[in-house]
N, C-alpha and C. Protein backbone atom coordinates (compact mmCIF):
# COMPACT_ATOMS: atom_id res chain seq x y z
N UNK A 1 0.94 -0.99 0.07
CA UNK A 1 -0.13 0.11 0.00
C UNK A 1 1.05 0.91 0.22
N UNK A 2 0.67 2.17 -0.97
CA UNK A 2 1.36 3.57 -1.28
C UNK A 2 1.14 4.41 -0.07
N UNK A 3 1.80 5.24 0.75
CA UNK A 3 1.36 5.91 1.91
C UNK A 3 2.54 7.26 1.52
N UNK A 4 2.43 8.93 2.28
CA UNK A 4 3.12 9.31 2.17
C UNK A 4 3.33 9.29 3.53
N UNK A 5 4.77 9.67 4.15
CA UNK A 5 5.18 9.50 5.23
C UNK A 5 6.04 10.44 5.71
N UNK A 6 6.23 11.77 6.99
CA UNK A 6 6.32 13.05 6.53
C UNK A 6 7.80 12.30 7.00
N UNK A 7 8.85 13.24 6.97
CA UNK A 7 10.20 13.18 6.72
C UNK A 7 10.86 13.54 8.32
N UNK A 8 11.47 12.41 9.08
CA UNK A 8 11.70 12.98 10.50
C UNK A 8 13.17 12.60 10.86
N UNK A 9 13.63 12.85 11.97
CA UNK A 9 14.75 12.63 12.04
C UNK A 9 15.45 10.71 12.34
N UNK A 10 14.60 10.26 12.06
CA UNK A 10 15.10 9.08 11.76
C UNK A 10 14.87 8.38 10.45
N UNK A 11 14.02 8.96 9.51
CA UNK A 11 13.91 8.11 7.84
C UNK A 11 14.32 8.68 7.19
N UNK A 12 14.88 10.18 7.18
CA UNK A 12 15.42 10.91 6.59
C UNK A 12 16.54 10.53 5.35
N UNK A 13 17.19 9.51 6.08
CA UNK A 13 18.41 9.39 5.10
C UNK A 13 17.86 8.05 3.83
N UNK A 14 16.71 7.38 4.43
CA UNK A 14 15.92 6.57 3.42
C UNK A 14 16.11 7.37 1.65
N UNK A 15 15.25 9.31 1.97
CA UNK A 15 15.12 9.64 1.27
C UNK A 15 16.26 9.66 -0.01
N UNK A 16 17.73 9.90 0.46
CA UNK A 16 18.83 10.42 -0.21
C UNK A 16 19.18 9.56 -1.37
N UNK A 17 18.55 8.19 -1.32
CA UNK A 17 18.48 7.18 -2.03
C UNK A 17 17.72 7.40 -3.61
N UNK A 18 16.71 8.45 -3.49
CA UNK A 18 16.07 8.58 -4.85
C UNK A 18 16.53 9.57 -5.40
N UNK A 19 16.44 8.82 -7.08
CA UNK A 19 17.07 9.77 -8.18
C UNK A 19 16.55 9.77 -8.89
N UNK A 20 17.07 11.17 -10.00
CA UNK A 20 16.19 11.06 -10.91
C UNK A 20 16.79 10.01 -12.00
N UNK A 21 16.19 9.90 -13.40
CA UNK A 21 16.68 9.29 -14.46
C UNK A 21 17.48 10.46 -14.95
N UNK A 22 19.06 9.47 -15.66
CA UNK A 22 19.29 10.50 -16.32
C UNK A 22 18.83 11.69 -17.45
N UNK A 23 18.98 12.85 -17.18
CA UNK A 23 18.06 13.69 -18.13
C UNK A 23 17.40 14.39 -17.61
N UNK A 24 16.71 13.59 -16.49
CA UNK A 24 15.30 14.52 -15.77
C UNK A 24 15.70 15.12 -14.84
N UNK A 25 16.73 15.06 -13.86
CA UNK A 25 17.32 15.69 -12.74
C UNK A 25 16.59 17.50 -12.74
N UNK A 26 16.76 17.89 -13.93
CA UNK A 26 16.79 19.37 -13.93
C UNK A 26 14.94 19.91 -14.09
N UNK A 27 14.79 18.86 -14.15
CA UNK A 27 12.47 19.01 -14.75
C UNK A 27 12.33 18.99 -12.99
N UNK A 28 12.95 18.68 -11.88
CA UNK A 28 12.52 18.35 -10.40
C UNK A 28 13.48 19.88 -9.84
N UNK A 29 14.65 19.42 -9.89
CA UNK A 29 15.38 20.88 -8.66
C UNK A 29 16.76 20.85 -9.31
N UNK A 30 17.67 21.62 -8.94
CA UNK A 30 18.64 21.97 -9.44
C UNK A 30 20.29 20.97 -9.18
N UNK A 31 19.87 20.77 -8.19
CA UNK A 31 20.59 19.47 -6.96
C UNK A 31 20.16 18.33 -6.90
N UNK A 32 21.23 17.34 -6.57
CA UNK A 32 20.90 15.66 -6.09
C UNK A 32 21.49 15.63 -5.08
N UNK A 33 20.94 15.18 -3.76
CA UNK A 33 19.68 14.37 -3.65
C UNK A 33 18.69 15.27 -3.70
N UNK A 34 17.11 15.41 -3.96
CA UNK A 34 16.25 16.46 -4.26
C UNK A 34 15.19 16.14 -2.53
N UNK A 35 15.52 15.46 -2.08
CA UNK A 35 15.03 15.34 -0.70
C UNK A 35 15.67 16.46 -0.06
N UNK A 36 17.41 16.38 -0.03
CA UNK A 36 18.09 17.54 0.47
C UNK A 36 17.79 19.28 -0.14
N UNK A 37 17.24 19.41 -1.05
CA UNK A 37 16.23 20.40 -1.53
C UNK A 37 15.33 20.66 -0.85
N UNK A 38 14.84 19.63 -0.67
CA UNK A 38 13.47 19.38 0.33
C UNK A 38 13.82 20.37 1.66
N UNK A 39 14.46 19.83 2.38
CA UNK A 39 14.38 19.89 3.43
C UNK A 39 15.10 20.99 3.83
N UNK A 40 16.06 21.55 2.74
CA UNK A 40 16.68 23.40 2.99
C UNK A 40 15.60 23.55 2.90
N UNK A 41 14.72 23.82 1.53
CA UNK A 41 13.24 24.81 1.81
C UNK A 41 12.67 24.83 3.27
N UNK A 42 12.53 23.55 3.41
CA UNK A 42 11.52 23.31 4.47
C UNK A 42 12.48 24.20 6.29
N UNK A 43 13.32 23.59 6.16
CA UNK A 43 13.98 24.69 7.54
C UNK A 43 14.42 26.11 7.43
N UNK A 44 14.54 26.99 6.03
CA UNK A 44 14.53 28.05 6.26
C UNK A 44 13.09 28.73 5.33
N UNK A 45 12.18 27.92 5.45
CA UNK A 45 11.00 28.41 5.07
C UNK A 45 10.56 28.97 3.82
N UNK A 46 11.25 28.66 3.07
CA UNK A 46 10.89 29.77 1.57
C UNK A 46 9.59 29.98 1.55
N UNK A 47 9.71 31.60 1.23
CA UNK A 47 8.37 31.88 0.50
C UNK A 47 7.77 32.39 1.81
N UNK A 48 8.53 32.29 3.05
CA UNK A 48 7.70 32.78 4.21
C UNK A 48 6.75 31.82 4.73
N UNK A 49 6.66 30.79 3.65
CA UNK A 49 5.54 29.27 4.53
C UNK A 49 6.27 28.09 4.78
N UNK A 50 5.07 27.44 5.57
CA UNK A 50 5.87 26.16 6.28
C UNK A 50 5.68 25.14 5.14
N UNK A 51 6.71 23.95 4.92
CA UNK A 51 6.75 23.78 4.32
C UNK A 51 7.06 22.03 4.70
N UNK A 52 6.30 20.79 4.30
CA UNK A 52 6.31 19.76 4.87
C UNK A 52 6.77 18.68 3.74
N UNK A 53 7.79 18.42 4.25
CA UNK A 53 8.51 17.11 3.45
C UNK A 53 8.16 15.79 3.79
N UNK A 54 8.01 14.92 2.52
CA UNK A 54 7.48 13.60 2.34
C UNK A 54 8.44 12.35 2.00
N UNK A 55 8.62 11.33 2.26
CA UNK A 55 9.01 10.18 1.71
C UNK A 55 7.75 9.20 1.08
N UNK A 56 7.46 9.04 -0.49
CA UNK A 56 6.59 8.57 -0.53
C UNK A 56 6.65 6.84 -0.77
N UNK A 57 6.29 5.96 -0.02
CA UNK A 57 6.61 4.30 0.67
C UNK A 57 5.61 3.81 0.00
N UNK A 58 5.86 2.15 -0.33
CA UNK A 58 5.16 0.92 -0.86
C UNK A 58 5.63 0.38 0.56
N UNK A 59 4.86 -0.16 0.65
CA UNK A 59 5.45 -0.81 2.12
C UNK A 59 6.48 -0.49 2.82
N UNK A 60 7.52 -0.88 2.57
CA UNK A 60 9.11 -0.51 3.52
C UNK A 60 10.06 0.09 2.35
N UNK A 61 9.22 0.01 1.30
CA UNK A 61 10.22 0.75 0.22
C UNK A 61 9.80 2.25 -0.04
N UNK A 62 11.09 3.11 0.46
CA UNK A 62 10.69 4.45 -0.47
C UNK A 62 10.69 4.56 -2.42
N UNK A 63 9.77 4.80 -2.58
CA UNK A 63 10.01 4.89 -4.18
C UNK A 63 10.12 6.41 -4.76
N UNK A 64 9.77 7.25 -3.54
CA UNK A 64 10.48 8.53 -4.20
C UNK A 64 9.69 9.84 -3.26
N UNK A 65 10.11 10.74 -3.15
CA UNK A 65 9.61 11.88 -2.27
C UNK A 65 9.40 13.30 -2.80
N UNK A 66 8.83 13.83 -2.48
CA UNK A 66 8.00 15.65 -2.28
C UNK A 66 8.00 16.63 -1.47
N UNK A 67 8.26 17.98 -1.90
CA UNK A 67 7.73 18.86 -0.94
C UNK A 67 6.78 18.94 -0.91
N UNK A 68 5.88 19.81 0.36
CA UNK A 68 4.63 20.72 -0.03
C UNK A 68 4.40 21.88 0.83
N UNK A 69 4.31 23.05 0.24
CA UNK A 69 4.53 24.21 0.68
C UNK A 69 2.85 24.91 1.38
N UNK A 70 2.74 25.00 2.33
CA UNK A 70 1.34 25.26 3.13
C UNK A 70 1.07 26.97 2.46
N UNK A 71 0.15 26.97 1.51
CA UNK A 71 0.28 28.94 0.92
C UNK A 71 -1.86 28.94 1.53
N UNK A 72 -1.77 28.48 2.59
CA UNK A 72 -3.40 28.09 2.82
C UNK A 72 -3.49 30.16 3.38
N UNK A 73 -2.60 30.63 3.93
CA UNK A 73 -3.03 31.69 4.65
C UNK A 73 -3.21 32.89 3.85
N UNK A 74 -2.60 33.41 2.54
CA UNK A 74 -2.28 33.83 1.18
C UNK A 74 -3.32 33.33 0.27
N UNK A 75 -3.52 32.21 -0.18
CA UNK A 75 -3.67 31.55 -1.03
C UNK A 75 -4.92 30.30 -1.15
N UNK A 76 -5.53 29.64 -0.13
CA UNK A 76 -5.76 28.86 0.15
C UNK A 76 -5.90 27.62 -1.07
N UNK A 77 -4.80 27.47 -0.65
CA UNK A 77 -3.79 26.21 -1.55
C UNK A 77 -2.89 25.79 -0.57
N UNK A 78 -2.17 24.90 -1.23
CA UNK A 78 -1.45 23.60 -0.36
C UNK A 78 -0.67 23.91 -2.27
N UNK A 79 0.76 24.00 -2.28
CA UNK A 79 1.49 23.66 -3.82
C UNK A 79 2.49 22.31 -3.17
N UNK A 80 2.91 21.90 -4.35
CA UNK A 80 3.23 20.80 -4.57
C UNK A 80 5.18 21.00 -5.21
N UNK A 81 5.50 20.67 -4.92
CA UNK A 81 7.03 20.70 -4.73
C UNK A 81 8.23 19.69 -4.89
N UNK A 82 8.69 19.38 -6.32
CA UNK A 82 9.68 18.50 -6.14
C UNK A 82 9.16 16.99 -6.34
N UNK A 83 8.21 17.13 -6.61
CA UNK A 83 7.81 15.05 -6.85
C UNK A 83 8.80 14.70 -7.40
N UNK A 84 9.28 13.59 -7.23
CA UNK A 84 10.22 12.49 -7.70
C UNK A 84 9.75 11.36 -7.42
N UNK A 85 9.45 10.27 -8.63
CA UNK A 85 9.69 8.90 -8.45
C UNK A 85 11.49 8.31 -8.92
N UNK A 86 11.60 7.75 -8.00
CA UNK A 86 13.01 7.00 -7.96
C UNK A 86 13.27 6.62 -9.39
N UNK A 87 14.30 6.94 -10.18
CA UNK A 87 14.56 6.31 -11.58
C UNK A 87 13.89 4.98 -11.40
N UNK A 88 13.93 3.99 -10.63
CA UNK A 88 14.05 2.67 -10.97
C UNK A 88 12.71 2.28 -10.44
N UNK A 89 11.75 3.20 -9.80
CA UNK A 89 10.31 2.65 -9.49
C UNK A 89 9.31 3.70 -10.66
N UNK A 90 9.82 4.11 -11.31
CA UNK A 90 9.13 5.00 -12.14
C UNK A 90 8.44 4.17 -13.34
N UNK A 91 6.71 4.14 -13.93
CA UNK A 91 6.16 3.93 -14.73
C UNK A 91 5.89 2.47 -14.12
N UNK A 92 5.61 3.05 -12.66
CA UNK A 92 5.02 1.56 -12.40
C UNK A 92 3.65 2.28 -11.40
N UNK A 93 3.13 3.68 -11.80
CA UNK A 93 2.05 3.87 -10.87
C UNK A 93 2.16 4.30 -9.71
N UNK A 94 3.76 5.31 -9.67
CA UNK A 94 3.56 5.56 -8.24
C UNK A 94 3.40 7.00 -8.18
N UNK A 95 3.47 8.24 -9.31
CA UNK A 95 3.14 8.99 -9.14
C UNK A 95 1.69 9.10 -8.87
N UNK A 96 1.05 9.06 -9.86
CA UNK A 96 -0.43 9.08 -9.94
C UNK A 96 -0.73 8.77 -8.48
N UNK A 97 -0.47 7.53 -7.98
CA UNK A 97 -0.50 7.46 -6.59
C UNK A 97 -0.60 8.58 -5.37
N UNK A 98 1.01 8.97 -5.56
CA UNK A 98 1.41 10.14 -4.99
C UNK A 98 0.38 11.76 -5.28
N UNK A 99 -0.02 11.55 -6.38
CA UNK A 99 -1.00 12.88 -6.71
C UNK A 99 -2.29 12.76 -5.85
N UNK A 100 -2.84 11.77 -5.99
CA UNK A 100 -3.98 11.12 -5.18
C UNK A 100 -4.04 11.19 -3.52
N UNK A 101 -2.79 10.58 -3.13
CA UNK A 101 -2.44 10.96 -1.87
C UNK A 101 -1.96 12.73 -1.15
N UNK A 102 -1.83 13.61 -2.19
CA UNK A 102 -1.21 14.41 -2.18
C UNK A 102 -2.93 15.53 -2.19
N UNK A 103 -3.84 15.08 -2.80
CA UNK A 103 -4.92 15.60 -3.15
C UNK A 103 -5.77 14.95 -1.78
N UNK A 104 -5.87 13.41 -1.28
CA UNK A 104 -6.45 13.66 0.08
C UNK A 104 -5.77 14.20 1.35
N UNK A 105 -4.38 14.62 1.42
CA UNK A 105 -4.04 15.34 1.96
C UNK A 105 -4.45 17.48 2.38
N UNK A 106 -5.09 17.94 0.84
CA UNK A 106 -5.30 19.02 0.52
C UNK A 106 -6.56 18.97 1.07
N UNK A 107 -7.27 17.73 0.61
CA UNK A 107 -8.98 17.83 1.00
C UNK A 107 -9.01 17.75 2.92
N UNK A 108 -8.01 17.17 3.48
CA UNK A 108 -7.85 16.80 5.01
C UNK A 108 -7.73 18.52 5.69
N UNK A 109 -6.84 19.68 4.62
CA UNK A 109 -6.26 20.68 5.56
C UNK A 109 -7.32 21.58 5.36
N UNK A 110 -7.69 21.85 6.34
CA UNK A 110 -8.52 23.28 6.58
C UNK A 110 -8.40 24.71 5.98
N UNK A 111 -9.25 24.81 5.19
CA UNK A 111 -8.98 26.46 4.30
C UNK A 111 -8.26 25.99 3.16
N UNK A 112 -8.08 24.82 3.37
CA UNK A 112 -7.59 24.45 1.59
C UNK A 112 -8.57 24.68 0.46
N UNK A 113 -8.21 25.11 -0.56
CA UNK A 113 -9.57 25.33 -1.72
C UNK A 113 -8.84 24.70 -3.22
N UNK A 114 -7.44 24.72 -3.41
CA UNK A 114 -6.73 24.25 -4.44
C UNK A 114 -5.18 23.22 -4.48
N UNK A 115 -5.18 22.70 -4.67
CA UNK A 115 -3.71 22.24 -4.87
C UNK A 115 -3.04 22.82 -6.34
N UNK A 116 -2.20 22.88 -5.97
CA UNK A 116 -1.49 23.81 -6.75
C UNK A 116 0.33 23.18 -7.18
N UNK A 117 0.94 23.38 -8.32
CA UNK A 117 1.94 22.90 -8.99
C UNK A 117 2.60 23.59 -10.07
N UNK A 118 3.77 23.24 -9.86
CA UNK A 118 4.77 24.43 -11.57
C UNK A 118 4.94 23.19 -11.90
N UNK A 119 5.31 23.23 -13.24
CA UNK A 119 6.32 22.32 -14.04
C UNK A 119 6.60 22.62 -15.23
N UNK A 120 7.86 22.10 -15.64
CA UNK A 120 8.52 22.64 -16.77
C UNK A 120 7.84 22.68 -18.42
N UNK A 121 7.51 23.10 -19.28
CA UNK A 121 6.74 22.22 -20.45
C UNK A 121 7.38 21.62 -20.64
N UNK A 122 8.56 21.33 -20.89
CA UNK A 122 9.40 20.44 -21.71
C UNK A 122 9.26 18.91 -20.92
N UNK A 123 8.40 18.87 -20.25
CA UNK A 123 8.29 17.68 -19.41
C UNK A 123 7.01 16.72 -19.64
N UNK A 124 6.76 16.41 -20.81
CA UNK A 124 5.26 16.14 -20.95
C UNK A 124 4.82 15.04 -20.56
N UNK A 125 5.52 14.20 -19.71
CA UNK A 125 4.79 13.00 -19.27
C UNK A 125 4.54 13.50 -18.31
N UNK A 126 4.74 14.31 -17.30
CA UNK A 126 4.12 15.41 -15.83
C UNK A 126 2.90 15.82 -16.64
N UNK A 127 3.21 16.85 -16.86
CA UNK A 127 2.24 17.37 -17.73
C UNK A 127 0.85 16.46 -18.43
N UNK A 128 1.11 15.59 -19.09
CA UNK A 128 -0.12 14.27 -18.71
C UNK A 128 -0.52 14.05 -17.56
N UNK A 129 0.59 13.64 -16.72
CA UNK A 129 -0.28 12.83 -15.90
C UNK A 129 -1.28 13.86 -14.52
N UNK A 130 -0.61 14.91 -14.64
CA UNK A 130 -1.47 16.19 -14.27
C UNK A 130 -2.88 16.22 -14.59
N UNK A 131 -2.55 16.61 -16.13
CA UNK A 131 -3.80 16.40 -16.35
C UNK A 131 -4.34 15.16 -16.64
N UNK A 132 -4.26 14.20 -16.47
CA UNK A 132 -5.53 13.39 -16.77
C UNK A 132 -5.61 12.89 -15.10
N UNK A 133 -5.04 13.65 -13.79
CA UNK A 133 -5.41 13.97 -12.33
C UNK A 133 -6.10 15.18 -11.99
N UNK A 134 -6.99 15.64 -13.61
CA UNK A 134 -7.57 17.18 -13.33
C UNK A 134 -6.98 18.23 -13.26
N UNK A 135 -5.43 18.48 -13.26
CA UNK A 135 -5.22 19.34 -12.85
C UNK A 135 -5.14 20.63 -14.36
N UNK A 136 -5.73 21.70 -13.77
CA UNK A 136 -5.77 22.87 -15.16
C UNK A 136 -4.38 23.64 -15.10
N UNK A 137 -4.07 24.17 -16.55
CA UNK A 137 -2.99 25.02 -16.56
C UNK A 137 -3.80 26.14 -16.26
N UNK A 138 -3.25 27.09 -15.64
CA UNK A 138 -3.21 28.17 -14.99
C UNK A 138 -2.57 29.79 -15.10
N UNK A 139 -1.38 29.41 -15.92
CA UNK A 139 -0.68 30.81 -16.17
C UNK A 139 1.24 30.07 -16.30
N UNK A 140 2.22 31.12 -16.36
CA UNK A 140 3.28 31.04 -16.60
C UNK A 140 3.68 31.16 -15.02
N UNK A 141 5.08 30.57 -14.98
CA UNK A 141 5.58 31.56 -13.62
C UNK A 141 6.19 32.24 -14.59
N UNK A 142 7.88 33.15 -13.32
CA UNK A 142 8.38 34.20 -13.69
C UNK A 142 9.93 32.95 -14.47
N UNK A 143 10.03 31.77 -13.85
CA UNK A 143 10.85 30.91 -14.70
C UNK A 143 10.47 30.29 -15.61
N UNK A 144 8.75 30.89 -16.52
CA UNK A 144 8.68 29.50 -17.35
C UNK A 144 8.01 28.39 -17.52
N UNK A 145 8.07 28.32 -16.18
CA UNK A 145 6.78 27.04 -15.91
C UNK A 145 5.99 27.27 -15.89
N UNK A 146 5.18 26.08 -16.35
CA UNK A 146 3.59 25.87 -16.35
C UNK A 146 2.83 26.48 -14.62
N UNK A 147 2.36 27.18 -14.73
CA UNK A 147 1.43 26.89 -13.28
C UNK A 147 0.05 26.31 -13.61
N UNK A 148 -0.23 24.91 -12.71
CA UNK A 148 -0.98 24.55 -12.86
C UNK A 148 -1.78 24.05 -11.39
N UNK A 149 -3.14 23.90 -11.54
CA UNK A 149 -4.08 23.73 -10.58
C UNK A 149 -5.27 22.65 -10.33
N UNK A 150 -5.88 22.59 -9.11
CA UNK A 150 -6.76 21.26 -9.28
C UNK A 150 -7.24 21.73 -7.86
N UNK A 151 -8.70 22.11 -7.87
CA UNK A 151 -9.78 22.52 -6.93
C UNK A 151 -9.87 21.40 -6.08
N UNK A 152 -10.06 21.55 -5.04
CA UNK A 152 -10.20 20.23 -3.73
C UNK A 152 -12.14 20.62 -3.02
N UNK A 153 -12.32 19.88 -2.51
CA UNK A 153 -13.36 19.87 -1.75
C UNK A 153 -13.09 19.59 -0.42
N UNK A 154 -13.71 20.30 0.59
CA UNK A 154 -13.07 19.62 2.00
C UNK A 154 -13.82 17.88 1.82
N UNK A 155 -12.60 17.52 3.20
CA UNK A 155 -13.47 15.68 2.73
C UNK A 155 -14.49 15.69 3.48
N UNK A 156 -14.83 16.70 4.49
CA UNK A 156 -16.50 16.45 4.89
C UNK A 156 -17.33 16.80 4.78
N UNK A 157 -17.25 17.78 2.65
CA UNK A 157 -18.42 17.19 1.97
C UNK A 157 -18.66 16.55 0.51
N UNK A 158 -17.69 15.45 1.27
CA UNK A 158 -17.61 14.42 0.41
C UNK A 158 -18.78 13.19 0.89
N UNK A 159 -19.26 12.05 -0.19
CA UNK A 159 -20.22 11.03 0.43
C UNK A 159 -19.12 10.09 0.24
N UNK A 160 -19.54 9.24 1.63
CA UNK A 160 -19.14 8.19 1.80
C UNK A 160 -19.42 6.89 1.59
């Protein structure tokens, strides 16, 4: 069963082994291991917001990493950053599973009305995945990345 596990002082080393395929790293972050980038942004509160670092786990195996920035105060949104599925685990449904877990997280987060992300316009595979999950392009940021968002309904309004 795939799950998001918060990065802690006891499990952070697991995420250091998560690597991009050759030629993909620049889509996700300027440096590797990507988890260190996420942890640095968490520590210094990039953008003046809280960051939540996660490992994506399948049973006991770490298959990916992701950072979430809490923009609820200003934008009623959570923002996905640096979603990376390990090079040896790609094309197995983990990216799609991660998006579903992040959507569930956003639904449970009080005051969250949307889940956002940015993506390099050349990363066609990621764009296709995000669009298939209901994300829509909302603009372009200063770095030329596509901005995408998906509206979320609070968990309490869902029919069981």
